[in-house]
């Protein structure tokens, strides 16, 4: 899962450390950059810290740059709760201080309610989303049809981001040690996979000349 935390106080900084214990990738930003950050693709959820001005916080939550399917959790303190209206467009509330176990569960629950996906079993890179539990792939929220081997190849590369694999290594790891096809098989599947998930402006799978392929680390 990949989460953006938009905060203004140091008290929220510990959340990044706590979420890392659950293999949740976190990026942070300030409330002043909230509207721009909400428009960035590639995040499963956003945690937004409530500011001192309740009207400004609500304005950020209603920002037109916020994708409709992006879950937003509001981070606040007990004394701020009386200023929150139940009509605010948030998916859940987190009251500080919050236990890491509670926080990650609320995040996963918010993502599931919004998208029907368990964020713990998804892989994401930009507009590319892989649902491991249901063997589904989406690009810009549109379903993409992959063969079983194309899916397994994409999953293997994404779960090993940044690592370069030779064609022979991919044959062994994805097709199995008993597969006797040539390295050309990998090239064909990579080409088909690229044609389904990439565009002229968005490339996901890198060719490392004279070596093999990799999915770049973000």
N, C-alpha and C. Protein backbone atom coordinates (compact mmCIF):
# COMPACT_ATOMS: atom_id res chain seq x y z
N UNK A 1 0.84 -1.19 0.00
CA UNK A 1 0.00 0.00 0.00
C UNK A 1 0.88 1.25 0.00
N UNK A 2 0.43 2.27 -0.72
CA UNK A 2 1.18 3.53 -0.81
C UNK A 2 0.27 4.66 -0.32
N UNK A 3 0.76 5.39 0.68
CA UNK A 3 -0.07 6.39 1.35
C UNK A 3 0.63 7.74 1.37
N UNK A 4 -0.13 8.80 1.21
CA UNK A 4 0.37 10.16 1.35
C UNK A 4 -0.16 10.74 2.66
N UNK A 5 0.73 11.30 3.49
CA UNK A 5 0.32 11.98 4.71
C UNK A 5 0.57 13.47 4.53
N UNK A 6 -0.49 14.26 4.63
CA UNK A 6 -0.39 15.71 4.53
C UNK A 6 -0.60 16.29 5.92
N UNK A 7 0.43 16.89 6.47
CA UNK A 7 0.35 17.33 7.87
C UNK A 7 1.00 18.69 8.05
N UNK A 8 0.76 19.26 9.22
CA UNK A 8 1.35 20.55 9.55
C UNK A 8 2.07 20.53 10.89
N UNK A 9 1.90 19.47 11.67
CA UNK A 9 2.51 19.40 12.99
C UNK A 9 3.50 18.26 13.06
N UNK A 10 4.46 18.38 13.94
CA UNK A 10 5.45 17.32 14.13
C UNK A 10 4.81 16.09 14.76
N UNK A 11 3.68 16.28 15.43
CA UNK A 11 3.03 15.15 16.09
C UNK A 11 2.58 14.08 15.14
N UNK A 12 2.40 14.44 13.86
CA UNK A 12 1.94 13.46 12.88
C UNK A 12 3.10 12.73 12.22
N UNK A 13 4.32 13.19 12.46
CA UNK A 13 5.48 12.61 11.78
C UNK A 13 5.73 11.16 12.15
N UNK A 14 5.37 10.78 13.38
CA UNK A 14 5.65 9.40 13.82
C UNK A 14 4.85 8.38 13.04
N UNK A 15 3.78 8.81 12.39
CA UNK A 15 2.94 7.87 11.65
C UNK A 15 3.71 7.17 10.54
N UNK A 16 4.62 7.88 9.92
CA UNK A 16 5.41 7.28 8.84
C UNK A 16 6.21 6.10 9.35
N UNK A 17 6.82 6.25 10.51
CA UNK A 17 7.60 5.16 11.09
C UNK A 17 6.70 3.99 11.46
N UNK A 18 5.56 4.28 12.07
CA UNK A 18 4.66 3.21 12.50
C UNK A 18 4.10 2.43 11.31
N UNK A 19 3.74 3.12 10.25
CA UNK A 19 3.17 2.43 9.09
C UNK A 19 4.21 1.60 8.35
N UNK A 20 5.46 2.03 8.41
CA UNK A 20 6.53 1.27 7.75
C UNK A 20 6.64 -0.13 8.32
N UNK A 21 6.27 -0.30 9.58
CA UNK A 21 6.33 -1.63 10.21
C UNK A 21 5.33 -2.59 9.58
N UNK A 22 4.35 -2.06 8.86
CA UNK A 22 3.35 -2.90 8.19
C UNK A 22 3.58 -2.91 6.68
N UNK A 23 4.81 -2.58 6.27
CA UNK A 23 5.18 -2.57 4.85
C UNK A 23 4.31 -1.61 4.04
N UNK A 24 3.94 -0.50 4.66
CA UNK A 24 3.18 0.53 3.97
C UNK A 24 4.14 1.65 3.57
N UNK A 25 4.19 1.93 2.28
CA UNK A 25 5.07 2.98 1.77
C UNK A 25 4.41 4.33 1.98
N UNK A 26 5.13 5.25 2.59
CA UNK A 26 4.55 6.55 2.96
C UNK A 26 5.36 7.69 2.37
N UNK A 27 4.65 8.65 1.80
CA UNK A 27 5.25 9.93 1.42
C UNK A 27 4.55 11.02 2.21
N UNK A 28 5.26 12.07 2.54
CA UNK A 28 4.68 13.14 3.34
C UNK A 28 4.71 14.47 2.59
N UNK A 29 3.81 15.34 2.96
CA UNK A 29 3.75 16.67 2.37
C UNK A 29 3.08 17.61 3.35
N UNK A 30 3.10 18.88 3.06
CA UNK A 30 2.50 19.88 3.94
C UNK A 30 1.09 20.21 3.48
N UNK A 31 0.29 20.75 4.40
CA UNK A 31 -1.08 21.12 4.05
C UNK A 31 -1.11 22.18 2.96
N UNK A 32 -0.08 23.00 2.89
CA UNK A 32 -0.05 24.04 1.87
C UNK A 32 0.03 23.47 0.45
N UNK A 33 0.48 22.22 0.35
CA UNK A 33 0.59 21.56 -0.96
C UNK A 33 -0.53 20.54 -1.16
N UNK A 34 -1.56 20.58 -0.32
CA UNK A 34 -2.56 19.52 -0.31
C UNK A 34 -3.29 19.35 -1.63
N UNK A 35 -3.73 20.44 -2.23
CA UNK A 35 -4.51 20.32 -3.47
C UNK A 35 -3.70 19.67 -4.58
N UNK A 36 -2.44 20.05 -4.70
CA UNK A 36 -1.57 19.45 -5.71
C UNK A 36 -1.30 17.98 -5.39
N UNK A 37 -1.08 17.68 -4.10
CA UNK A 37 -0.78 16.30 -3.69
C UNK A 37 -1.97 15.39 -3.92
N UNK A 38 -3.18 15.87 -3.68
CA UNK A 38 -4.37 15.06 -3.87
C UNK A 38 -4.56 14.64 -5.32
N UNK A 39 -4.01 15.42 -6.23
CA UNK A 39 -4.16 15.12 -7.66
C UNK A 39 -3.11 14.15 -8.17
N UNK A 40 -2.10 13.84 -7.35
CA UNK A 40 -1.04 12.94 -7.80
C UNK A 40 -1.55 11.51 -7.90
N UNK A 41 -1.25 10.81 -9.00
CA UNK A 41 -1.67 9.42 -9.12
C UNK A 41 -0.75 8.49 -8.33
N UNK A 42 -1.22 7.28 -8.11
CA UNK A 42 -0.35 6.27 -7.53
C UNK A 42 -0.49 6.04 -6.05
N UNK A 43 -1.42 6.73 -5.38
CA UNK A 43 -1.60 6.54 -3.95
C UNK A 43 -2.88 5.76 -3.69
N UNK A 44 -2.82 4.85 -2.70
CA UNK A 44 -4.00 4.07 -2.33
C UNK A 44 -4.90 4.84 -1.38
N UNK A 45 -4.32 5.76 -0.61
CA UNK A 45 -5.09 6.54 0.35
C UNK A 45 -4.29 7.77 0.76
N UNK A 46 -5.00 8.75 1.33
CA UNK A 46 -4.38 9.97 1.84
C UNK A 46 -4.83 10.18 3.28
N UNK A 47 -3.88 10.53 4.14
CA UNK A 47 -4.19 10.94 5.50
C UNK A 47 -3.98 12.45 5.57
N UNK A 48 -5.03 13.18 5.88
CA UNK A 48 -4.98 14.64 5.91
C UNK A 48 -5.16 15.12 7.34
N UNK A 49 -4.19 15.86 7.85
CA UNK A 49 -4.30 16.39 9.21
C UNK A 49 -5.21 17.61 9.22
N UNK A 50 -6.16 17.63 10.14
CA UNK A 50 -7.06 18.77 10.26
C UNK A 50 -6.29 19.99 10.71
N UNK A 51 -6.46 21.09 10.00
CA UNK A 51 -5.78 22.32 10.37
C UNK A 51 -6.54 23.09 11.43
N UNK A 52 -5.98 24.21 11.85
CA UNK A 52 -6.63 25.03 12.87
C UNK A 52 -7.92 25.65 12.35
N UNK A 53 -7.98 25.88 11.04
CA UNK A 53 -9.16 26.48 10.42
C UNK A 53 -10.03 25.37 9.83
N UNK A 54 -11.16 25.11 10.47
CA UNK A 54 -12.03 24.02 10.03
C UNK A 54 -12.56 24.25 8.62
N UNK A 55 -12.89 25.49 8.28
CA UNK A 55 -13.41 25.78 6.94
C UNK A 55 -12.38 25.48 5.86
N UNK A 56 -11.12 25.79 6.14
CA UNK A 56 -10.05 25.52 5.18
C UNK A 56 -9.84 24.02 5.02
N UNK A 57 -9.93 23.28 6.14
CA UNK A 57 -9.79 21.82 6.07
C UNK A 57 -10.88 21.22 5.20
N UNK A 58 -12.10 21.69 5.40
CA UNK A 58 -13.21 21.17 4.60
C UNK A 58 -13.03 21.52 3.13
N UNK A 59 -12.54 22.72 2.85
CA UNK A 59 -12.31 23.11 1.46
C UNK A 59 -11.33 22.17 0.78
N UNK A 60 -10.27 21.77 1.51
CA UNK A 60 -9.29 20.83 0.96
C UNK A 60 -9.93 19.48 0.68
N UNK A 61 -10.79 19.03 1.60
CA UNK A 61 -11.46 17.74 1.42
C UNK A 61 -12.37 17.74 0.20
N UNK A 62 -12.92 18.90 -0.12
CA UNK A 62 -13.84 19.01 -1.25
C UNK A 62 -13.13 19.47 -2.53
N UNK A 63 -11.81 19.42 -2.51
CA UNK A 63 -11.03 19.89 -3.66
C UNK A 63 -11.41 19.13 -4.93
N UNK A 64 -11.62 19.84 -6.03
CA UNK A 64 -11.97 19.17 -7.30
C UNK A 64 -10.82 18.33 -7.86
N UNK A 65 -9.61 18.51 -7.33
CA UNK A 65 -8.48 17.72 -7.81
C UNK A 65 -8.45 16.33 -7.18
N UNK A 66 -9.26 16.10 -6.17
CA UNK A 66 -9.27 14.80 -5.48
C UNK A 66 -10.00 13.76 -6.32
N UNK A 67 -9.34 12.65 -6.69
CA UNK A 67 -10.00 11.59 -7.44
C UNK A 67 -11.17 11.00 -6.65
N UNK A 68 -12.24 10.66 -7.33
CA UNK A 68 -13.45 10.19 -6.66
C UNK A 68 -13.22 8.92 -5.85
N UNK A 69 -12.31 8.06 -6.32
CA UNK A 69 -12.10 6.78 -5.64
C UNK A 69 -10.93 6.81 -4.65
N UNK A 70 -10.39 7.99 -4.37
CA UNK A 70 -9.26 8.09 -3.45
C UNK A 70 -9.77 8.23 -2.02
N UNK A 71 -9.53 7.24 -1.14
CA UNK A 71 -9.96 7.36 0.25
C UNK A 71 -9.13 8.41 0.98
N UNK A 72 -9.80 9.26 1.76
CA UNK A 72 -9.12 10.26 2.57
C UNK A 72 -9.53 10.08 4.02
N UNK A 73 -8.53 9.94 4.88
CA UNK A 73 -8.77 9.81 6.32
C UNK A 73 -8.33 11.11 6.99
N UNK A 74 -9.16 11.63 7.88
CA UNK A 74 -8.87 12.90 8.54
C UNK A 74 -8.21 12.64 9.89
N UNK A 75 -7.06 13.25 10.07
CA UNK A 75 -6.27 13.10 11.30
C UNK A 75 -6.55 14.31 12.19
N UNK A 76 -6.97 14.07 13.42
CA UNK A 76 -7.31 15.18 14.29
C UNK A 76 -7.10 14.81 15.76
N UNK A 77 -7.18 15.82 16.61
CA UNK A 77 -7.04 15.62 18.05
C UNK A 77 -8.43 15.72 18.69
N UNK A 78 -8.52 15.23 19.93
CA UNK A 78 -9.82 15.17 20.61
C UNK A 78 -10.49 16.53 20.64
N UNK A 79 -9.71 17.58 20.93
CA UNK A 79 -10.30 18.91 21.06
C UNK A 79 -10.83 19.46 19.73
N UNK A 80 -10.45 18.84 18.61
CA UNK A 80 -10.93 19.29 17.31
C UNK A 80 -12.22 18.61 16.87
N UNK A 81 -12.63 17.58 17.58
CA UNK A 81 -13.75 16.77 17.14
C UNK A 81 -15.07 17.54 17.12
N UNK A 82 -15.24 18.49 18.04
CA UNK A 82 -16.50 19.24 18.08
C UNK A 82 -16.67 20.15 16.87
N UNK A 83 -15.59 20.43 16.17
CA UNK A 83 -15.68 21.29 15.00
C UNK A 83 -15.90 20.55 13.70
N UNK A 84 -16.06 19.23 13.78
CA UNK A 84 -16.23 18.41 12.58
C UNK A 84 -17.71 18.13 12.34
N UNK A 85 -18.16 18.39 11.14
CA UNK A 85 -19.54 18.13 10.76
C UNK A 85 -19.63 16.74 10.13
N UNK A 86 -20.67 15.94 10.44
CA UNK A 86 -20.78 14.59 9.87
C UNK A 86 -20.93 14.57 8.35
N UNK A 87 -21.21 15.71 7.76
CA UNK A 87 -21.37 15.75 6.30
C UNK A 87 -20.04 15.91 5.57
N UNK A 88 -18.95 16.04 6.33
CA UNK A 88 -17.64 16.21 5.68
C UNK A 88 -17.31 15.00 4.82
N UNK A 89 -16.75 15.21 3.63
CA UNK A 89 -16.44 14.09 2.72
C UNK A 89 -15.15 13.37 3.08
N UNK A 90 -15.18 12.64 4.18
CA UNK A 90 -14.02 11.84 4.60
C UNK A 90 -14.46 10.39 4.73
N UNK A 91 -13.51 9.49 4.59
CA UNK A 91 -13.82 8.06 4.65
C UNK A 91 -13.66 7.48 6.05
N UNK A 92 -12.88 8.16 6.89
CA UNK A 92 -12.72 7.72 8.27
C UNK A 92 -11.97 8.82 9.03
N UNK A 93 -11.97 8.68 10.36
CA UNK A 93 -11.27 9.62 11.22
C UNK A 93 -10.21 8.88 12.02
N UNK A 94 -9.10 9.55 12.26
CA UNK A 94 -8.03 9.02 13.11
C UNK A 94 -7.78 10.05 14.20
N UNK A 95 -7.98 9.66 15.44
CA UNK A 95 -7.79 10.57 16.57
C UNK A 95 -6.43 10.31 17.19
N UNK A 96 -5.61 11.36 17.25
CA UNK A 96 -4.28 11.25 17.85
C UNK A 96 -4.37 11.24 19.37
N UNK A 97 -3.48 10.46 20.03
CA UNK A 97 -2.51 9.54 19.42
C UNK A 97 -3.19 8.23 19.01
N UNK A 98 -2.76 7.67 17.90
CA UNK A 98 -3.38 6.45 17.39
C UNK A 98 -2.36 5.32 17.36
N UNK A 99 -2.79 4.12 17.74
CA UNK A 99 -1.91 2.95 17.70
C UNK A 99 -1.69 2.56 16.24
N UNK A 100 -0.50 2.08 15.94
CA UNK A 100 -0.15 1.69 14.57
C UNK A 100 -1.09 0.61 14.05
N UNK A 101 -1.47 -0.33 14.91
CA UNK A 101 -2.35 -1.42 14.49
C UNK A 101 -3.71 -0.88 14.06
N UNK A 102 -4.22 0.07 14.83
CA UNK A 102 -5.51 0.67 14.48
C UNK A 102 -5.41 1.47 13.19
N UNK A 103 -4.34 2.19 13.05
CA UNK A 103 -4.15 3.05 11.87
C UNK A 103 -4.12 2.24 10.59
N UNK A 104 -3.32 1.17 10.56
CA UNK A 104 -3.22 0.39 9.33
C UNK A 104 -4.53 -0.32 9.01
N UNK A 105 -5.28 -0.72 10.06
CA UNK A 105 -6.56 -1.37 9.82
C UNK A 105 -7.57 -0.38 9.25
N UNK A 106 -7.58 0.83 9.76
CA UNK A 106 -8.48 1.86 9.23
C UNK A 106 -8.14 2.19 7.78
N UNK A 107 -6.86 2.24 7.48
CA UNK A 107 -6.44 2.49 6.10
C UNK A 107 -6.93 1.40 5.16
N UNK A 108 -6.67 0.16 5.53
CA UNK A 108 -7.07 -0.96 4.69
C UNK A 108 -8.58 -1.00 4.51
N UNK A 109 -9.30 -0.72 5.60
CA UNK A 109 -10.76 -0.73 5.54
C UNK A 109 -11.28 0.37 4.62
N UNK A 110 -10.68 1.54 4.70
CA UNK A 110 -11.11 2.66 3.85
C UNK A 110 -10.88 2.35 2.38
N UNK A 111 -9.74 1.76 2.07
CA UNK A 111 -9.44 1.39 0.68
C UNK A 111 -10.42 0.34 0.18
N UNK A 112 -10.70 -0.64 1.02
CA UNK A 112 -11.63 -1.70 0.62
C UNK A 112 -13.03 -1.16 0.37
N UNK A 113 -13.50 -0.27 1.24
CA UNK A 113 -14.84 0.29 1.06
C UNK A 113 -14.93 1.12 -0.22
N UNK A 114 -13.86 1.81 -0.55
CA UNK A 114 -13.89 2.72 -1.70
C UNK A 114 -13.68 1.98 -3.02
N UNK A 115 -12.84 0.97 -3.01
CA UNK A 115 -12.46 0.32 -4.27
C UNK A 115 -12.83 -1.15 -4.35
N UNK A 116 -13.18 -1.76 -3.22
CA UNK A 116 -13.44 -3.19 -3.21
C UNK A 116 -12.18 -4.02 -3.21
N UNK A 117 -11.02 -3.37 -3.00
CA UNK A 117 -9.73 -4.05 -3.02
C UNK A 117 -9.11 -4.06 -1.63
N UNK A 118 -8.44 -5.16 -1.30
CA UNK A 118 -7.65 -5.21 -0.08
C UNK A 118 -6.28 -4.64 -0.42
N UNK A 119 -5.98 -3.48 0.15
CA UNK A 119 -4.72 -2.80 -0.20
C UNK A 119 -3.50 -3.63 0.14
N UNK A 120 -3.65 -4.57 1.07
CA UNK A 120 -2.50 -5.41 1.42
C UNK A 120 -2.17 -6.41 0.32
N UNK A 121 -3.11 -6.62 -0.61
CA UNK A 121 -2.87 -7.58 -1.69
C UNK A 121 -2.89 -6.90 -3.05
N UNK A 122 -2.46 -5.64 -3.08
CA UNK A 122 -2.39 -4.93 -4.35
C UNK A 122 -0.99 -4.36 -4.55
N UNK A 123 -0.63 -4.20 -5.81
CA UNK A 123 0.61 -3.54 -6.20
C UNK A 123 0.24 -2.34 -7.05
N UNK A 124 0.94 -1.23 -6.85
CA UNK A 124 0.59 -0.02 -7.59
C UNK A 124 1.84 0.72 -8.04
N UNK A 125 1.75 1.26 -9.24
CA UNK A 125 2.79 2.14 -9.76
C UNK A 125 2.12 3.14 -10.68
N UNK A 126 2.05 4.40 -10.26
CA UNK A 126 1.35 5.39 -11.06
C UNK A 126 -0.10 4.99 -11.28
N UNK A 127 -0.53 4.93 -12.52
CA UNK A 127 -1.91 4.56 -12.84
C UNK A 127 -2.09 3.05 -12.99
N UNK A 128 -1.03 2.29 -12.76
CA UNK A 128 -1.10 0.83 -12.88
C UNK A 128 -1.40 0.21 -11.53
N UNK A 129 -2.45 -0.60 -11.47
CA UNK A 129 -2.86 -1.27 -10.24
C UNK A 129 -3.02 -2.76 -10.50
N UNK A 130 -2.39 -3.58 -9.67
CA UNK A 130 -2.48 -5.03 -9.80
C UNK A 130 -3.16 -5.59 -8.56
N UNK A 131 -4.29 -6.24 -8.76
CA UNK A 131 -5.04 -6.88 -7.68
C UNK A 131 -4.61 -8.34 -7.62
N UNK A 132 -3.72 -8.65 -6.67
CA UNK A 132 -3.15 -9.99 -6.59
C UNK A 132 -4.18 -11.04 -6.19
N UNK A 133 -5.11 -10.65 -5.34
CA UNK A 133 -6.08 -11.62 -4.83
C UNK A 133 -7.04 -12.10 -5.91
N UNK A 134 -7.38 -11.21 -6.83
CA UNK A 134 -8.38 -11.54 -7.85
C UNK A 134 -7.81 -11.63 -9.27
N UNK A 135 -6.48 -11.57 -9.38
CA UNK A 135 -5.82 -11.67 -10.68
C UNK A 135 -6.40 -10.66 -11.68
N UNK A 136 -6.45 -9.40 -11.24
CA UNK A 136 -6.96 -8.35 -12.11
C UNK A 136 -5.93 -7.22 -12.21
N UNK A 137 -5.92 -6.56 -13.35
CA UNK A 137 -5.01 -5.45 -13.59
C UNK A 137 -5.82 -4.27 -14.12
N UNK A 138 -5.50 -3.08 -13.61
CA UNK A 138 -6.18 -1.86 -14.04
C UNK A 138 -5.16 -0.81 -14.44
N UNK A 139 -5.45 -0.09 -15.50
CA UNK A 139 -4.65 1.06 -15.92
C UNK A 139 -5.60 2.24 -16.00
N UNK A 140 -5.32 3.27 -15.21
CA UNK A 140 -6.22 4.43 -15.12
C UNK A 140 -7.65 3.99 -14.81
N UNK A 141 -7.76 3.01 -13.90
CA UNK A 141 -9.03 2.48 -13.41
C UNK A 141 -9.80 1.68 -14.45
N UNK A 142 -9.18 1.41 -15.59
CA UNK A 142 -9.80 0.58 -16.62
C UNK A 142 -9.19 -0.82 -16.58
N UNK A 143 -10.04 -1.84 -16.57
CA UNK A 143 -9.56 -3.22 -16.51
C UNK A 143 -8.79 -3.58 -17.77
N UNK A 144 -7.70 -4.31 -17.58
CA UNK A 144 -6.85 -4.76 -18.69
C UNK A 144 -6.81 -6.28 -18.66
N UNK A 145 -7.03 -6.91 -19.78
CA UNK A 145 -7.04 -8.37 -19.86
C UNK A 145 -5.64 -8.90 -20.13
N UNK A 146 -5.12 -9.70 -19.18
CA UNK A 146 -3.81 -10.33 -19.34
C UNK A 146 -3.96 -11.83 -19.31
N UNK A 147 -3.07 -12.52 -20.01
CA UNK A 147 -3.01 -13.97 -19.88
C UNK A 147 -2.39 -14.30 -18.53
N UNK A 148 -2.49 -15.55 -18.12
CA UNK A 148 -1.95 -15.95 -16.82
C UNK A 148 -0.45 -15.68 -16.74
N UNK A 149 0.29 -16.02 -17.77
CA UNK A 149 1.74 -15.81 -17.74
C UNK A 149 2.09 -14.33 -17.78
N UNK A 150 1.32 -13.55 -18.52
CA UNK A 150 1.57 -12.10 -18.52
C UNK A 150 1.36 -11.53 -17.13
N UNK A 151 0.31 -11.99 -16.46
CA UNK A 151 0.05 -11.53 -15.09
C UNK A 151 1.18 -11.94 -14.16
N UNK A 152 1.59 -13.20 -14.23
CA UNK A 152 2.65 -13.69 -13.35
C UNK A 152 3.97 -12.97 -13.62
N UNK A 153 4.25 -12.67 -14.86
CA UNK A 153 5.47 -11.94 -15.20
C UNK A 153 5.43 -10.53 -14.62
N UNK A 154 4.30 -9.86 -14.77
CA UNK A 154 4.15 -8.51 -14.21
C UNK A 154 4.25 -8.53 -12.70
N UNK A 155 3.59 -9.50 -12.08
CA UNK A 155 3.65 -9.60 -10.62
C UNK A 155 5.08 -9.82 -10.14
N UNK A 156 5.80 -10.70 -10.79
CA UNK A 156 7.17 -10.99 -10.37
C UNK A 156 8.05 -9.75 -10.48
N UNK A 157 7.95 -9.04 -11.58
CA UNK A 157 8.77 -7.85 -11.77
C UNK A 157 8.41 -6.75 -10.78
N UNK A 158 7.11 -6.57 -10.51
CA UNK A 158 6.70 -5.51 -9.60
C UNK A 158 7.05 -5.80 -8.15
N UNK A 159 7.05 -7.06 -7.78
CA UNK A 159 7.42 -7.41 -6.40
C UNK A 159 8.92 -7.45 -6.21
N UNK A 160 9.66 -7.26 -7.28
CA UNK A 160 11.13 -7.20 -7.20
C UNK A 160 11.62 -5.92 -7.87
N UNK A 161 10.99 -4.82 -7.55
CA UNK A 161 11.29 -3.54 -8.20
C UNK A 161 12.76 -3.17 -8.06
N UNK A 162 13.29 -2.66 -9.15
CA UNK A 162 14.67 -2.20 -9.14
C UNK A 162 15.69 -3.26 -9.47
N UNK A 163 15.29 -4.53 -9.43
CA UNK A 163 16.22 -5.63 -9.70
C UNK A 163 16.17 -6.01 -11.19
N UNK A 164 17.33 -6.26 -11.74
CA UNK A 164 17.42 -6.66 -13.15
C UNK A 164 17.45 -8.18 -13.23
N UNK A 165 16.65 -8.75 -14.12
CA UNK A 165 16.60 -10.20 -14.30
C UNK A 165 16.92 -10.54 -15.75
N UNK A 166 17.78 -11.52 -15.92
CA UNK A 166 18.07 -12.00 -17.27
C UNK A 166 16.86 -12.77 -17.79
N UNK A 167 16.84 -13.00 -19.09
CA UNK A 167 15.74 -13.77 -19.67
C UNK A 167 15.71 -15.18 -19.10
N UNK A 168 16.88 -15.75 -18.89
CA UNK A 168 16.96 -17.10 -18.34
C UNK A 168 16.40 -17.14 -16.91
N UNK A 169 16.72 -16.11 -16.13
CA UNK A 169 16.21 -16.06 -14.76
C UNK A 169 14.69 -15.93 -14.74
N UNK A 170 14.15 -15.13 -15.65
CA UNK A 170 12.70 -14.97 -15.73
C UNK A 170 12.03 -16.27 -16.17
N UNK A 171 12.65 -16.98 -17.10
CA UNK A 171 12.11 -18.28 -17.50
C UNK A 171 12.02 -19.22 -16.31
N UNK A 172 13.09 -19.25 -15.51
CA UNK A 172 13.12 -20.15 -14.36
C UNK A 172 12.11 -19.74 -13.29
N UNK A 173 12.01 -18.43 -13.03
CA UNK A 173 11.18 -17.97 -11.92
C UNK A 173 9.70 -17.89 -12.26
N UNK A 174 9.38 -17.58 -13.50
CA UNK A 174 7.98 -17.41 -13.89
C UNK A 174 7.42 -18.64 -14.58
N UNK A 175 8.20 -19.24 -15.48
CA UNK A 175 7.72 -20.41 -16.22
C UNK A 175 8.06 -21.71 -15.50
N UNK A 176 9.12 -21.72 -14.71
CA UNK A 176 9.50 -22.92 -13.98
C UNK A 176 10.72 -23.58 -14.58
N UNK A 177 11.44 -24.30 -13.73
CA UNK A 177 12.71 -24.90 -14.14
C UNK A 177 12.53 -25.97 -15.21
N UNK A 178 11.34 -26.53 -15.32
CA UNK A 178 11.13 -27.61 -16.29
C UNK A 178 10.66 -27.08 -17.64
N UNK A 179 10.57 -25.77 -17.78
CA UNK A 179 10.15 -25.21 -19.06
C UNK A 179 11.34 -25.19 -20.02
N UNK A 180 11.13 -25.70 -21.20
CA UNK A 180 12.24 -25.84 -22.14
C UNK A 180 12.19 -24.84 -23.30
N UNK A 181 11.31 -23.86 -23.21
CA UNK A 181 11.25 -22.85 -24.25
C UNK A 181 12.48 -21.95 -24.21
N UNK A 182 12.75 -21.27 -25.30
CA UNK A 182 13.91 -20.40 -25.37
C UNK A 182 13.65 -19.03 -24.76
N UNK A 183 14.72 -18.26 -24.65
CA UNK A 183 14.63 -16.92 -24.06
C UNK A 183 13.71 -16.01 -24.87
N UNK A 184 13.51 -16.35 -26.13
CA UNK A 184 12.62 -15.56 -26.98
C UNK A 184 11.21 -15.50 -26.39
N UNK A 185 10.82 -16.52 -25.66
CA UNK A 185 9.50 -16.54 -25.02
C UNK A 185 9.32 -15.33 -24.11
N UNK A 186 10.36 -14.98 -23.37
CA UNK A 186 10.29 -13.84 -22.46
C UNK A 186 10.09 -12.55 -23.25
N UNK A 187 10.85 -12.38 -24.32
CA UNK A 187 10.74 -11.17 -25.13
C UNK A 187 9.33 -10.99 -25.68
N UNK A 188 8.74 -12.09 -26.14
CA UNK A 188 7.39 -12.03 -26.70
C UNK A 188 6.38 -11.60 -25.64
N UNK A 189 6.48 -12.19 -24.45
CA UNK A 189 5.55 -11.84 -23.37
C UNK A 189 5.75 -10.41 -22.89
N UNK A 190 6.99 -9.97 -22.81
CA UNK A 190 7.26 -8.58 -22.41
C UNK A 190 6.64 -7.62 -23.41
N UNK A 191 6.81 -7.91 -24.70
CA UNK A 191 6.26 -7.04 -25.74
C UNK A 191 4.74 -6.97 -25.64
N UNK A 192 4.09 -8.11 -25.44
CA UNK A 192 2.63 -8.13 -25.33
C UNK A 192 2.17 -7.40 -24.06
N UNK A 193 2.91 -7.61 -22.99
CA UNK A 193 2.56 -6.95 -21.72
C UNK A 193 2.67 -5.43 -21.85
N UNK A 194 3.74 -4.99 -22.46
CA UNK A 194 3.92 -3.55 -22.66
C UNK A 194 2.79 -2.95 -23.49
N UNK A 195 2.37 -3.66 -24.51
CA UNK A 195 1.32 -3.14 -25.39
C UNK A 195 0.00 -2.96 -24.65
N UNK A 196 -0.16 -3.68 -23.54
CA UNK A 196 -1.42 -3.62 -22.79
C UNK A 196 -1.40 -2.63 -21.64
N UNK A 197 -0.23 -2.38 -21.05
CA UNK A 197 -0.20 -1.53 -19.86
C UNK A 197 0.53 -0.20 -20.06
N UNK A 198 1.27 -0.06 -21.15
CA UNK A 198 2.06 1.15 -21.34
C UNK A 198 1.48 2.04 -22.43
N UNK A 199 1.86 3.31 -22.37
CA UNK A 199 1.52 4.27 -23.42
C UNK A 199 2.82 4.93 -23.88
N UNK A 200 2.72 5.80 -24.85
CA UNK A 200 3.92 6.49 -25.33
C UNK A 200 4.58 7.33 -24.24
N UNK A 201 3.77 7.81 -23.30
CA UNK A 201 4.29 8.68 -22.24
C UNK A 201 4.52 7.97 -20.92
N UNK A 202 4.03 6.74 -20.79
CA UNK A 202 4.16 6.01 -19.52
C UNK A 202 4.76 4.64 -19.78
N UNK A 203 5.99 4.45 -19.34
CA UNK A 203 6.69 3.18 -19.51
C UNK A 203 6.92 2.54 -18.14
N UNK A 204 6.61 1.26 -18.02
CA UNK A 204 6.75 0.57 -16.74
C UNK A 204 7.91 -0.43 -16.72
N UNK A 205 8.12 -1.12 -17.81
CA UNK A 205 9.14 -2.17 -17.84
C UNK A 205 10.35 -1.67 -18.62
N UNK A 206 11.50 -1.70 -17.98
CA UNK A 206 12.73 -1.23 -18.61
C UNK A 206 13.52 -2.38 -19.20
N UNK A 207 14.10 -2.14 -20.36
CA UNK A 207 15.04 -3.09 -20.96
C UNK A 207 16.45 -2.67 -20.59
N UNK A 208 17.19 -3.57 -19.98
CA UNK A 208 18.60 -3.31 -19.65
C UNK A 208 19.42 -4.01 -20.72
N UNK A 209 20.03 -3.23 -21.56
CA UNK A 209 20.68 -3.77 -22.76
C UNK A 209 21.71 -4.85 -22.41
N UNK A 210 21.65 -5.92 -23.16
CA UNK A 210 22.56 -7.07 -23.02
C UNK A 210 22.41 -7.81 -21.68
N UNK A 211 21.38 -7.46 -20.93
CA UNK A 211 21.16 -8.15 -19.64
C UNK A 211 19.76 -8.73 -19.57
N UNK A 212 18.74 -7.88 -19.50
CA UNK A 212 17.38 -8.38 -19.36
C UNK A 212 16.38 -7.27 -19.10
N UNK A 213 15.51 -7.47 -18.10
CA UNK A 213 14.43 -6.53 -17.84
C UNK A 213 14.32 -6.23 -16.35
N UNK A 214 13.68 -5.08 -16.06
CA UNK A 214 13.37 -4.75 -14.66
C UNK A 214 12.19 -3.81 -14.61
N UNK A 215 11.52 -3.82 -13.47
CA UNK A 215 10.49 -2.85 -13.15
C UNK A 215 11.15 -1.83 -12.25
N UNK A 216 11.27 -0.56 -12.67
CA UNK A 216 12.06 0.41 -11.90
C UNK A 216 11.51 0.66 -10.51
N UNK A 217 12.42 0.88 -9.58
CA UNK A 217 12.02 1.24 -8.22
C UNK A 217 11.50 2.66 -8.22
N UNK A 218 10.48 2.91 -7.42
CA UNK A 218 9.91 4.26 -7.38
C UNK A 218 10.68 5.11 -6.38
